[in-house]
C-alpha atoms as a PDB file:
ATOM      1  CA  ILE A   1     -11.966  26.716 -29.791  1.00  0.00           C
ATOM      2  CA  LEU A   2     -12.213  27.668 -26.109  1.00  0.00           C
ATOM      3  CA  GLU A   3     -15.716  28.702 -25.096  1.00  0.00           C
ATOM      4  CA  THR A   4     -15.756  28.803 -21.299  1.00  0.00           C
ATOM      5  CA  HIS A   5     -15.995  32.598 -20.903  1.00  0.00           C
ATOM      6  CA  ASP A   6     -19.477  34.146 -20.690  1.00  0.00           C
ATOM      7  CA  ASP A   7     -18.629  37.355 -22.565  1.00  0.00           C
ATOM      8  CA  GLU A   8     -16.021  38.925 -24.856  1.00  0.00           C
ATOM      9  CA  VAL A   9     -12.400  37.845 -24.359  1.00  0.00           C
ATOM     10  CA  TRP A  10     -10.199  40.932 -24.301  1.00  0.00           C
ATOM     11  CA  PHE A  11      -6.671  39.643 -23.705  1.00  0.00           C
ATOM     12  CA  VAL A  12      -4.779  36.354 -23.893  1.00  0.00           C
ATOM     13  CA  GLN A  13      -1.177  35.523 -23.021  1.00  0.00           C
ATOM     14  CA  PHE A  14       0.842  32.292 -22.852  1.00  0.00           C
ATOM     15  CA  SER A  15       3.133  31.711 -19.891  1.00  0.00           C
ATOM     16  CA  HIS A  16       6.853  31.987 -20.617  1.00  0.00           C
ATOM     17  CA  ASN A  17       7.276  28.203 -20.465  1.00  0.00           C
ATOM     18  CA  GLY A  18       4.286  27.617 -22.742  1.00  0.00           C
ATOM     19  CA  GLN A  19       2.543  25.336 -20.224  1.00  0.00           C
ATOM     20  CA  TYR A  20      -0.362  27.704 -19.550  1.00  0.00           C
ATOM     21  CA  LEU A  21      -2.568  30.238 -21.304  1.00  0.00           C
ATOM     22  CA  ALA A  22      -4.311  33.041 -19.413  1.00  0.00           C
ATOM     23  CA  SER A  23      -7.389  34.768 -20.815  1.00  0.00           C
ATOM     24  CA  ALA A  24      -9.113  37.922 -19.537  1.00  0.00           C
ATOM     25  CA  SER A  25     -12.750  38.697 -20.212  1.00  0.00           C
ATOM     26  CA  ASN A  26     -15.524  41.244 -20.064  1.00  0.00           C
ATOM     27  CA  ASP A  27     -17.286  38.709 -17.806  1.00  0.00           C
ATOM     28  CA  GLN A  28     -15.021  39.934 -14.926  1.00  0.00           C
ATOM     29  CA  THR A  29     -13.098  36.658 -14.731  1.00  0.00           C
ATOM     30  CA  ALA A  30      -9.771  35.333 -15.972  1.00  0.00           C
ATOM     31  CA  ILE A  31      -9.089  31.714 -16.830  1.00  0.00           C
ATOM     32  CA  ILE A  32      -5.806  29.821 -16.540  1.00  0.00           C
ATOM     33  CA  TRP A  33      -5.757  27.077 -19.174  1.00  0.00           C
ATOM     34  CA  GLU A  34      -3.343  24.155 -18.995  1.00  0.00           C
ATOM     35  CA  VAL A  35      -1.704  23.125 -22.265  1.00  0.00           C
ATOM     36  CA  GLY A  36      -1.749  19.343 -22.724  1.00  0.00           C
ATOM     37  CA  VAL A  37      -1.200  16.845 -25.516  1.00  0.00           C
ATOM     38  CA  ASN A  38      -4.952  16.816 -26.226  1.00  0.00           C
ATOM     39  CA  GLY A  39      -5.366  20.586 -26.238  1.00  0.00           C
ATOM     40  CA  LEU A  40      -6.202  23.100 -23.502  1.00  0.00           C
ATOM     41  CA  SER A  41      -8.192  22.448 -20.346  1.00  0.00           C
ATOM     42  CA  VAL A  42      -9.373  24.827 -17.616  1.00  0.00           C
ATOM     43  CA  LYS A  43      -7.014  24.783 -14.624  1.00  0.00           C
ATOM     44  CA  HIS A  44      -8.549  27.701 -12.687  1.00  0.00           C
ATOM     45  CA  ARG A  45     -11.276  30.281 -13.191  1.00  0.00           C
ATOM     46  CA  LEU A  46     -10.262  33.422 -11.296  1.00  0.00           C
ATOM     47  CA  SER A  47     -13.157  35.421  -9.834  1.00  0.00           C
ATOM     48  CA  GLY A  48     -13.132  38.510  -7.627  1.00  0.00           C
ATOM     49  CA  HIS A  49     -12.836  41.540  -9.890  1.00  0.00           C
ATOM     50  CA  GLN A  50     -15.810  43.911  -9.921  1.00  0.00           C
ATOM     51  CA  LYS A  51     -14.995  45.200 -13.412  1.00  0.00           C
ATOM     52  CA  PRO A  52     -14.073  43.553 -16.718  1.00  0.00           C
ATOM     53  CA  ILE A  53     -10.442  42.373 -16.835  1.00  0.00           C
ATOM     54  CA  SER A  54      -8.390  44.244 -19.424  1.00  0.00           C
ATOM     55  CA  SER A  55      -5.045  42.431 -19.230  1.00  0.00           C
ATOM     56  CA  VAL A  56      -2.942  39.772 -17.536  1.00  0.00           C
ATOM     57  CA  SER A  57       0.794  39.462 -16.847  1.00  0.00           C
ATOM     58  CA  TRP A  58       2.781  36.301 -15.999  1.00  0.00           C
ATOM     59  CA  SER A  59       5.483  36.399 -13.348  1.00  0.00           C
ATOM     60  CA  PRO A  60       9.009  35.682 -14.665  1.00  0.00           C
ATOM     61  CA  ASN A  61       8.894  32.164 -13.137  1.00  0.00           C
ATOM     62  CA  ASP A  62       5.268  31.540 -14.296  1.00  0.00           C
ATOM     63  CA  GLU A  63       4.205  30.656 -10.743  1.00  0.00           C
ATOM     64  CA  GLU A  64       1.981  33.737 -10.332  1.00  0.00           C
ATOM     65  CA  LEU A  65      -0.327  35.831 -12.516  1.00  0.00           C
ATOM     66  CA  LEU A  66      -1.455  39.457 -12.375  1.00  0.00           C
ATOM     67  CA  THR A  67      -4.910  40.479 -13.577  1.00  0.00           C
ATOM     68  CA  CYS A  68      -5.952  44.088 -14.083  1.00  0.00           C
ATOM     69  CA  GLY A  69      -9.576  45.188 -13.809  1.00  0.00           C
ATOM     70  CA  VAL A  70     -10.606  48.110 -16.016  1.00  0.00           C
ATOM     71  CA  GLU A  71      -9.910  51.234 -13.930  1.00  0.00           C
ATOM     72  CA  GLU A  72     -10.214  49.138 -10.789  1.00  0.00           C
ATOM     73  CA  SER A  73      -7.534  47.052  -9.060  1.00  0.00           C
ATOM     74  CA  ILE A  74      -4.797  44.520  -9.751  1.00  0.00           C
ATOM     75  CA  ARG A  75      -4.949  41.024  -8.284  1.00  0.00           C
ATOM     76  CA  ARG A  76      -2.040  38.605  -7.895  1.00  0.00           C
ATOM     77  CA  TRP A  77      -2.870  34.899  -8.128  1.00  0.00           C
ATOM     78  CA  ASP A  78      -1.102  31.643  -7.292  1.00  0.00           C
ATOM     79  CA  VAL A  79      -1.104  29.601 -10.503  1.00  0.00           C
ATOM     80  CA  SER A  80      -0.937  26.197  -8.785  1.00  0.00           C
ATOM     81  CA  THR A  81      -3.862  26.772  -6.395  1.00  0.00           C
ATOM     82  CA  GLY A  82      -5.855  29.538  -8.123  1.00  0.00           C
ATOM     83  CA  LYS A  83      -5.934  31.559  -4.881  1.00  0.00           C
ATOM     84  CA  CYS A  84      -5.744  35.357  -4.822  1.00  0.00           C
ATOM     85  CA  LEU A  85      -2.551  36.289  -2.963  1.00  0.00           C
ATOM     86  CA  GLN A  86      -2.802  40.099  -3.007  1.00  0.00           C
ATOM     87  CA  ILE A  87      -5.031  42.965  -4.134  1.00  0.00           C
ATOM     88  CA  TYR A  88      -3.325  46.213  -5.179  1.00  0.00           C
ATOM     89  CA  GLU A  89      -5.381  49.393  -4.793  1.00  0.00           C
ATOM     90  CA  LYS A  90      -4.675  53.076  -4.302  1.00  0.00           C
ATOM     91  CA  ALA A  91      -6.966  55.676  -2.743  1.00  0.00           C
ATOM     92  CA  GLY A  92      -8.154  58.309  -5.195  1.00  0.00           C
ATOM     93  CA  ALA A  93      -6.924  56.510  -8.313  1.00  0.00           C
ATOM     94  CA  ALA A  94      -7.840  53.398 -10.272  1.00  0.00           C
ATOM     95  CA  LEU A  95      -5.269  50.973 -11.646  1.00  0.00           C
ATOM     96  CA  VAL A  96      -5.289  50.618 -15.429  1.00  0.00           C
ATOM     97  CA  SER A  97      -2.267  48.506 -16.436  1.00  0.00           C
ATOM     98  CA  CYS A  98       0.236  46.091 -14.927  1.00  0.00           C
ATOM     99  CA  THR A  99       3.530  44.330 -15.511  1.00  0.00           C
ATOM    100  CA  TRP A 100       6.200  42.482 -13.498  1.00  0.00           C
ATOM    101  CA  PHE A 101       9.702  43.664 -12.772  1.00  0.00           C
ATOM    102  CA  PRO A 102      12.179  41.230 -14.369  1.00  0.00           C
ATOM    103  CA  SER A 103      13.333  40.183 -10.887  1.00  0.00           C
ATOM    104  CA  GLY A 104       9.795  39.077  -9.987  1.00  0.00           C
ATOM    105  CA  LYS A 105      10.068  40.969  -6.683  1.00  0.00           C
ATOM    106  CA  HIS A 106       8.038  44.060  -7.649  1.00  0.00           C
ATOM    107  CA  ILE A 107       5.148  44.976  -9.921  1.00  0.00           C
ATOM    108  CA  LEU A 108       4.398  48.135 -11.882  1.00  0.00           C
ATOM    109  CA  SER A 109       1.044  49.720 -12.516  1.00  0.00           C
ATOM    110  CA  GLY A 110      -0.234  52.644 -14.533  1.00  0.00           C
ATOM    111  CA  LEU A 111      -2.913  54.643 -12.699  1.00  0.00           C
ATOM    112  CA  SER A 112      -5.870  56.728 -13.787  1.00  0.00           C
ATOM    113  CA  ASP A 113      -4.217  59.856 -12.334  1.00  0.00           C
ATOM    114  CA  LYS A 114      -1.550  59.427 -15.085  1.00  0.00           C
ATOM    115  CA  SER A 115       1.145  58.257 -12.667  1.00  0.00           C
ATOM    116  CA  ILE A 116       3.087  54.991 -12.580  1.00  0.00           C
ATOM    117  CA  CYS A 117       3.459  53.151  -9.285  1.00  0.00           C
ATOM    118  CA  MET A 118       5.941  50.488  -8.149  1.00  0.00           C
ATOM    119  CA  TRP A 119       4.764  47.999  -5.512  1.00  0.00           C
ATOM    120  CA  GLU A 120       6.336  45.316  -3.385  1.00  0.00           C
ATOM    121  CA  LEU A 121       4.525  41.983  -3.678  1.00  0.00           C
ATOM    122  CA  ASP A 122       2.915  42.459  -0.252  1.00  0.00           C
ATOM    123  CA  GLY A 123       1.181  45.628  -1.494  1.00  0.00           C
ATOM    124  CA  LYS A 124       3.580  48.205  -0.068  1.00  0.00           C
ATOM    125  CA  GLU A 125       4.105  51.173  -2.405  1.00  0.00           C
ATOM    126  CA  VAL A 126       7.827  51.615  -3.100  1.00  0.00           C
ATOM    127  CA  GLU A 127       7.900  54.503  -5.517  1.00  0.00           C
ATOM    128  CA  SER A 128       5.558  56.598  -7.625  1.00  0.00           C
ATOM    129  CA  TRP A 129       6.330  58.672 -10.700  1.00  0.00           C
ATOM    130  CA  LYS A 130       3.810  61.427 -11.181  1.00  0.00           C
ATOM    131  CA  GLY A 131       2.992  63.725 -14.063  1.00  0.00           C
ATOM    132  CA  GLN A 132       1.972  62.675 -17.561  1.00  0.00           C
ATOM    133  CA  LYS A 133       3.329  59.117 -17.344  1.00  0.00           C
ATOM    134  CA  SER A 134       0.394  56.958 -18.474  1.00  0.00           C
ATOM    135  CA  LEU A 135      -3.101  57.160 -19.941  1.00  0.00           C
ATOM    136  CA  LYS A 136      -6.299  55.875 -18.356  1.00  0.00           C
ATOM    137  CA  ILE A 137      -6.254  52.801 -20.603  1.00  0.00           C
ATOM    138  CA  SER A 138      -2.788  51.930 -21.808  1.00  0.00           C
ATOM    139  CA  ASP A 139      -0.092  49.322 -22.202  1.00  0.00           C
ATOM    140  CA  LEU A 140       2.871  49.129 -19.839  1.00  0.00           C
ATOM    141  CA  ASP A 141       6.209  47.317 -20.123  1.00  0.00           C
ATOM    142  CA  ILE A 142       9.739  47.370 -18.714  1.00  0.00           C
ATOM    143  CA  THR A 143      13.063  46.405 -20.272  1.00  0.00           C
ATOM    144  CA  ASP A 144      14.814  43.226 -19.113  1.00  0.00           C
ATOM    145  CA  ASP A 145      17.442  45.187 -17.161  1.00  0.00           C
ATOM    146  CA  GLY A 146      14.639  46.716 -15.058  1.00  0.00           C
ATOM    147  CA  LYS A 147      15.724  50.254 -15.885  1.00  0.00           C
ATOM    148  CA  GLU A 148      13.392  51.626 -18.544  1.00  0.00           C
ATOM    149  CA  ILE A 149       9.621  51.803 -18.191  1.00  0.00           C
ATOM    150  CA  ILE A 150       7.556  52.104 -21.381  1.00  0.00           C
ATOM    151  CA  SER A 151       4.037  53.529 -21.374  1.00  0.00           C
ATOM    152  CA  ILE A 152       1.597  55.507 -23.508  1.00  0.00           C
ATOM    153  CA  CYS A 153       1.712  58.968 -21.919  1.00  0.00           C
ATOM    154  CA  LYS A 154      -0.394  60.934 -24.440  1.00  0.00           C
ATOM    155  CA  PRO A 155      -2.790  59.728 -27.142  1.00  0.00           C
ATOM    156  CA  ASN A 156      -0.034  59.931 -29.775  1.00  0.00           C
ATOM    157  CA  THR A 157       3.103  59.627 -27.614  1.00  0.00           C
ATOM    158  CA  ILE A 158       4.987  56.753 -25.977  1.00  0.00           C
ATOM    159  CA  LEU A 159       7.247  57.512 -23.013  1.00  0.00           C
ATOM    160  CA  LEU A 160      10.511  55.638 -22.414  1.00  0.00           C
ATOM    161  CA  PHE A 161      11.321  56.535 -18.816  1.00  0.00           C
ATOM    162  CA  ASN A 162      14.589  55.583 -17.113  1.00  0.00           C
ATOM    163  CA  LYS A 163      13.578  55.052 -13.489  1.00  0.00           C
ATOM    164  CA  GLU A 164      17.173  55.419 -12.250  1.00  0.00           C
ATOM    165  CA  THR A 165      18.360  58.519 -14.121  1.00  0.00           C
ATOM    166  CA  LYS A 166      14.813  59.935 -14.597  1.00  0.00           C
ATOM    167  CA  ASP A 167      15.703  60.568 -18.262  1.00  0.00           C
ATOM    168  CA  GLU A 168      12.726  60.633 -20.619  1.00  0.00           C
ATOM    169  CA  ARG A 169      12.691  59.716 -24.303  1.00  0.00           C
ATOM    170  CA  PHE A 170       9.610  59.898 -26.508  1.00  0.00           C
ATOM    171  CA  ILE A 171       8.143  58.242 -29.571  1.00  0.00           C
ATOM    172  CA  GLU A 172       5.931  60.803 -31.271  1.00  0.00           C
ATOM    173  CA  GLU A 173       3.262  59.625 -33.708  1.00  0.00           C
ATOM    174  CA  THR A 174       0.835  61.746 -35.711  1.00  0.00           C
ATOM    175  CA  GLN A 175      -2.007  59.287 -35.080  1.00  0.00           C
ATOM    176  CA  THR A 176      -3.591  57.963 -31.878  1.00  0.00           C
ATOM    177  CA  ILE A 177      -1.739  54.947 -30.450  1.00  0.00           C
ATOM    178  CA  THR A 178      -3.917  51.972 -29.486  1.00  0.00           C
ATOM    179  CA  SER A 179      -1.298  49.453 -28.245  1.00  0.00           C
ATOM    180  CA  PHE A 180       2.383  48.547 -28.388  1.00  0.00           C
ATOM    181  CA  SER A 181       4.600  45.478 -28.086  1.00  0.00           C
ATOM    182  CA  LEU A 182       8.254  45.270 -27.015  1.00  0.00           C
ATOM    183  CA  SER A 183      10.611  42.844 -28.779  1.00  0.00           C
ATOM    184  CA  LYS A 184      12.355  40.180 -26.695  1.00  0.00           C
ATOM    185  CA  ASP A 185      15.759  41.793 -27.252  1.00  0.00           C
ATOM    186  CA  ASN A 186      14.342  45.169 -26.070  1.00  0.00           C
ATOM    187  CA  LYS A 187      15.606  46.860 -29.251  1.00  0.00           C
ATOM    188  CA  PHE A 188      12.317  47.369 -31.092  1.00  0.00           C
ATOM    189  CA  LEU A 189       8.826  48.576 -30.316  1.00  0.00           C
ATOM    190  CA  LEU A 190       5.792  47.691 -32.403  1.00  0.00           C
ATOM    191  CA  VAL A 191       3.155  50.436 -32.309  1.00  0.00           C
ATOM    192  CA  ASN A 192      -0.459  50.028 -33.464  1.00  0.00           C
ATOM    193  CA  LEU A 193      -2.226  53.167 -34.637  1.00  0.00           C
ATOM    194  CA  LEU A 194      -5.834  54.244 -35.048  1.00  0.00           C
ATOM    195  CA  ASN A 195      -5.339  54.788 -38.816  1.00  0.00           C
ATOM    196  CA  GLN A 196      -4.820  51.036 -39.466  1.00  0.00           C
ATOM    197  CA  GLU A 197      -1.026  51.220 -39.617  1.00  0.00           C
ATOM    198  CA  ILE A 198       1.602  49.390 -37.583  1.00  0.00           C
ATOM    199  CA  HIS A 199       4.902  51.195 -37.024  1.00  0.00           C
ATOM    200  CA  LEU A 200       8.196  49.552 -36.076  1.00  0.00           C
ATOM    201  CA  TRP A 201      10.556  51.717 -33.994  1.00  0.00           C
ATOM    202  CA  ASN A 202      14.188  51.065 -33.131  1.00  0.00           C
ATOM    203  CA  ILE A 203      14.487  52.298 -29.534  1.00  0.00           C
ATOM    204  CA  GLU A 204      18.264  51.964 -29.123  1.00  0.00           C
ATOM    205  CA  GLY A 205      19.425  55.541 -28.556  1.00  0.00           C
ATOM    206  CA  ASP A 206      17.172  58.124 -30.163  1.00  0.00           C
ATOM    207  CA  PRO A 207      14.017  56.286 -31.337  1.00  0.00           C
ATOM    208  CA  LYS A 208      13.906  55.811 -35.126  1.00  0.00           C
ATOM    209  CA  LEU A 209      10.950  54.743 -37.266  1.00  0.00           C
ATOM    210  CA  VAL A 210      12.263  51.804 -39.327  1.00  0.00           C
ATOM    211  CA  GLY A 211       9.140  50.194 -40.773  1.00  0.00           C
ATOM    212  CA  LYS A 212       5.474  50.703 -41.624  1.00  0.00           C
ATOM    213  CA  TYR A 213       2.933  47.925 -42.195  1.00  0.00           C
ATOM    214  CA  LYS A 214      -0.565  48.196 -43.701  1.00  0.00           C
ATOM    215  CA  GLY A 215      -3.310  45.801 -44.712  1.00  0.00           C
ATOM    216  CA  HIS A 216      -5.073  44.805 -41.522  1.00  0.00           C
ATOM    217  CA  ARG A 217      -8.421  46.391 -40.689  1.00  0.00           C
ATOM    218  CA  ARG A 218      -9.328  48.332 -37.533  1.00  0.00           C
ATOM    219  CA  SER A 219     -12.448  50.423 -37.039  1.00  0.00           C
ATOM    220  CA  ARG A 220     -14.038  49.544 -33.672  1.00  0.00           C
ATOM    221  CA  PHE A 221     -11.661  47.617 -31.429  1.00  0.00           C
ATOM    222  CA  ILE A 222      -8.154  47.685 -30.016  1.00  0.00           C
ATOM    223  CA  ILE A 223      -6.105  45.539 -32.382  1.00  0.00           C
ATOM    224  CA  ARG A 224      -2.888  44.057 -31.024  1.00  0.00           C
ATOM    225  CA  SER A 225       0.233  43.003 -32.885  1.00  0.00           C
ATOM    226  CA  CYS A 226       3.245  40.994 -31.788  1.00  0.00           C
ATOM    227  CA  PHE A 227       6.654  39.745 -32.857  1.00  0.00           C
ATOM    228  CA  GLY A 228       7.012  36.067 -33.730  1.00  0.00           C
ATOM    229  CA  GLY A 229       8.913  33.442 -35.614  1.00  0.00           C
ATOM    230  CA  LEU A 230      12.597  32.559 -35.494  1.00  0.00           C
ATOM    231  CA  LYS A 231      14.549  35.531 -34.106  1.00  0.00           C
ATOM    232  CA  GLN A 232      11.217  37.406 -34.089  1.00  0.00           C
ATOM    233  CA  ALA A 233      11.513  38.032 -37.828  1.00  0.00           C
ATOM    234  CA  PHE A 234       7.740  38.199 -38.325  1.00  0.00           C
ATOM    235  CA  ILE A 235       5.050  40.608 -37.204  1.00  0.00           C
ATOM    236  CA  ALA A 236       1.599  39.135 -36.596  1.00  0.00           C
ATOM    237  CA  SER A 237      -1.514  41.247 -36.231  1.00  0.00           C
ATOM    238  CA  GLY A 238      -5.174  40.761 -35.542  1.00  0.00           C
ATOM    239  CA  SER A 239      -7.669  42.342 -37.908  1.00  0.00           C
ATOM    240  CA  GLU A 240     -11.368  43.132 -38.133  1.00  0.00           C
ATOM    241  CA  ASP A 241     -11.659  41.395 -41.532  1.00  0.00           C
ATOM    242  CA  SER A 242     -11.536  37.988 -39.780  1.00  0.00           C
ATOM    243  CA  GLN A 243      -7.953  37.444 -40.942  1.00  0.00           C
ATOM    244  CA  VAL A 244      -4.606  37.176 -39.181  1.00  0.00           C
ATOM    245  CA  TRP A 245      -1.991  39.279 -40.963  1.00  0.00           C
ATOM    246  CA  ILE A 246       1.695  38.295 -40.936  1.00  0.00           C
ATOM    247  CA  PHE A 247       4.383  40.714 -42.112  1.00  0.00           C
ATOM    248  CA  ILE A 248       8.123  40.187 -42.614  1.00  0.00           C
ATOM    249  CA  HIS A 249      10.321  42.975 -41.288  1.00  0.00           C
END
């Protein structure tokens, strides 16, 4: 049980190599925990955001970490020293989500003006895709080939946007979407809905709904689900009934 934060913990993510855990909190800080044989210990407490931190994202080589303040800015941190390397901001819009390009040379952000922006690491804006591309609070991901950006573009719609061809595909749900998770092989998307259902979509070609999962409880908070197990054969979900739910798909 890790109790160093002073307020609610909103997001946690292990590094790709499993050596670190990053946690983001309503207390406006993030913590990098080091995984050791005797459990987890605090490596760095990252301070500087003026708003609660909604999410984190590890660089592909695990040497750097992005933190995203709620409708504020993104900060890039050096994992070894705990120093802030760069602050990403944009005049007239707040940043609401973040992820790394697979190459580790650029980052992506969803903005409060519903656009998605691509940045060089030094803070230079490379490209911006405007229009209904993201929501004020939403998840953001990109496929391993660096071509397709995935975001929640309307309360009940997920956009799959090819940044090279500008083609757009959509996942349409009848309920409000609260979060999503991309499988490691980039073939499936796990979508959490407001009505306490989890939907599994095959996103190869035209998106197809291939599974529905019920049982977990959600009434007040954003509940996240993820793939896990050997060959990602399981779906794990948080729940407001104090249980962790595991489904086989």
